[in-house]
Protein backbone atom coordinates (compact mmCIF):
# COMPACT_ATOMS: atom_id res chain seq x y z
CA MET A 1 113.76 90.60 121.05
CA ASP A 2 117.32 91.92 121.39
CA SER A 3 117.66 95.23 119.50
CA LYS A 4 120.81 94.12 117.59
CA LEU A 5 119.13 90.90 116.50
CA SER A 6 115.98 92.84 115.61
CA LEU A 7 118.02 95.32 113.54
CA SER A 8 119.91 92.65 111.60
CA LEU A 9 116.76 90.56 111.10
CA ARG A 10 114.87 93.60 109.80
CA SER A 11 117.76 94.54 107.51
CA LEU A 12 117.92 90.99 106.12
CA ALA A 13 114.13 90.94 105.64
CA ASP A 14 114.29 94.23 103.71
CA ARG A 15 117.03 92.89 101.45
CA VAL A 16 115.20 89.62 100.82
CA GLY A 17 111.98 91.57 100.20
CA ILE A 18 113.68 93.79 97.62
CA LEU A 19 115.26 90.80 95.89
CA VAL A 20 112.13 88.64 95.64
CA SER A 21 109.92 91.59 94.67
CA ALA A 22 112.37 92.44 91.89
CA LEU A 23 112.42 88.79 90.78
CA CYS A 24 108.63 88.84 90.62
CA ALA A 25 108.62 92.00 88.49
CA ILE A 26 111.32 90.60 86.20
CA HIS A 27 109.39 87.33 85.89
CA CYS A 28 106.24 89.19 84.87
CA ALA A 29 107.94 91.63 82.52
CA LEU A 30 110.57 89.52 80.80
CA GLY A 31 109.15 86.01 80.96
CA PRO A 32 106.84 86.36 77.94
CA ILE A 33 109.46 88.28 75.94
CA LEU A 34 112.15 85.64 76.50
CA LEU A 35 109.75 82.82 75.70
CA ALA A 36 108.53 84.54 72.53
CA ALA A 37 112.09 85.26 71.44
CA GLY A 38 112.80 81.56 71.24
CA ALA A 39 114.90 81.36 74.36
CA ALA A 40 112.29 79.06 75.84
CA LEU A 41 114.37 76.13 76.99
CA PRO A 42 116.70 77.82 79.50
CA PHE A 43 113.92 80.08 80.72
CA ALA A 44 110.99 77.65 80.76
CA PHE A 45 110.65 78.02 84.53
CA LEU A 46 109.61 81.65 83.95
CA ALA A 47 106.38 80.49 82.36
CA GLU A 48 105.41 78.40 85.37
CA GLU A 49 102.37 79.78 87.17
CA GLY A 50 103.61 78.21 90.38
CA LEU A 51 106.57 80.58 90.44
CA HIS A 52 104.32 83.43 91.65
CA GLU A 53 103.05 81.30 94.51
CA LEU A 54 106.61 80.31 95.38
CA LEU A 55 107.74 83.95 95.39
CA LEU A 56 104.81 84.86 97.66
CA TRP A 57 106.19 82.47 100.28
CA ALA A 58 109.22 84.77 100.50
CA ILE A 59 107.60 88.15 99.75
CA VAL A 60 104.89 88.08 102.42
CA PRO A 61 106.99 87.00 105.44
CA ALA A 62 109.86 89.34 104.45
CA ALA A 63 107.46 92.29 104.22
CA VAL A 64 105.61 91.54 107.44
CA LEU A 65 108.87 91.10 109.36
CA ALA A 66 110.71 94.08 107.88
CA PHE A 67 107.80 96.53 108.02
CA GLY A 68 106.65 95.32 111.43
CA LEU A 69 110.08 95.71 113.05
CA GLY A 70 110.94 98.90 111.16
CA CYS A 71 107.67 100.77 111.58
CA ARG A 72 107.58 99.98 115.27
CA ARG A 73 110.79 102.00 115.62
CA HIS A 74 110.71 104.77 113.02
CA LYS A 75 106.91 105.16 112.82
CA ASP A 76 106.95 106.11 109.11
CA LEU A 77 103.37 105.57 107.94
CA TRP A 78 104.39 105.75 104.26
CA VAL A 79 106.37 102.55 104.68
CA LEU A 80 103.29 100.87 106.10
CA VAL A 81 100.89 102.28 103.47
CA LEU A 82 103.14 101.46 100.49
CA GLY A 83 103.93 98.04 101.95
CA LEU A 84 100.29 97.15 102.57
CA LEU A 85 99.23 98.32 99.11
CA GLY A 86 102.04 96.29 97.58
CA LEU A 87 101.19 93.17 99.58
CA VAL A 88 97.47 93.37 98.84
CA GLY A 89 98.20 93.93 95.16
CA ILE A 90 100.71 91.14 94.75
CA VAL A 91 98.57 88.60 96.60
CA SER A 92 95.53 89.74 94.59
CA SER A 93 97.43 89.32 91.33
CA VAL A 94 97.81 85.62 92.12
CA LEU A 95 94.39 85.02 93.70
CA ALA A 96 92.43 86.99 91.08
CA ARG A 97 94.26 85.56 88.07
CA GLU A 98 91.04 84.23 86.56
CA VAL A 99 89.25 87.56 87.03
CA VAL A 100 91.89 89.99 85.75
CA GLY A 101 93.41 87.73 83.09
CA GLU A 102 97.06 87.15 82.29
CA THR A 103 97.79 90.74 81.28
CA GLY A 104 95.99 92.14 84.32
CA GLU A 105 97.90 89.75 86.56
CA ARG A 106 101.22 90.86 85.11
CA VAL A 107 100.43 94.59 85.35
CA LEU A 108 99.13 94.25 88.91
CA ALA A 109 102.12 92.14 89.98
CA ILE A 110 104.68 94.52 88.44
CA ALA A 111 103.04 97.60 89.99
CA SER A 112 102.70 95.87 93.36
CA ALA A 113 106.31 94.65 93.29
CA GLY A 114 107.35 98.24 92.58
CA LEU A 115 105.41 99.46 95.62
CA LEU A 116 107.02 96.78 97.77
CA ILE A 117 110.50 97.67 96.56
CA VAL A 118 109.92 101.36 97.32
CA ALA A 119 108.54 100.47 100.78
CA HIS A 120 111.50 98.19 101.57
CA VAL A 121 114.06 100.77 100.43
CA ARG A 122 112.32 103.49 102.44
CA ASN A 123 112.12 101.20 105.47
CA PHE A 124 115.80 100.29 105.14
CA ASN A 125 116.83 103.96 104.85
CA ARG A 126 114.59 105.13 107.70
CA CYS A 127 115.98 102.42 109.95
CA ARG A 128 119.53 103.27 108.98
CA ASP A 129 118.89 106.97 109.65
CA THR A 130 117.30 106.34 113.05
CA ASP A 131 119.29 103.16 113.87
CA CYS A 132 115.93 101.63 114.80
CA HIS A 133 117.15 101.22 118.36
CA PRO A 134 114.76 101.42 121.30
CA GLU A 135 114.59 104.82 122.95
């Protein structure tokens, strides 16, 4: 893959990953509060369980692409460790919903989204610092 295309694709994947991870955390943290506060109608979509699955369709590919392209260049293992922990946690929060319960799902998803955001920001910064160009 051309290094300029790889760099812009990785940068876009990091930005998308940060955005959808933040949306997931906001959904888990504010959804119940907004619904309980009586603002249910405009925010009814926040209560949908399918929203997590929908967000996963963006979170997982963005993380795999961004971390794969970035780590290949800058070799920062913390990006990989934080990213993998975040991915495993966020996927587990959806798959283990029945086991951990609604509160457990929300806590796991928020913590995992936080790990993913930190990993994407670190990946973005490490790539910017090293230009992530082939040697």
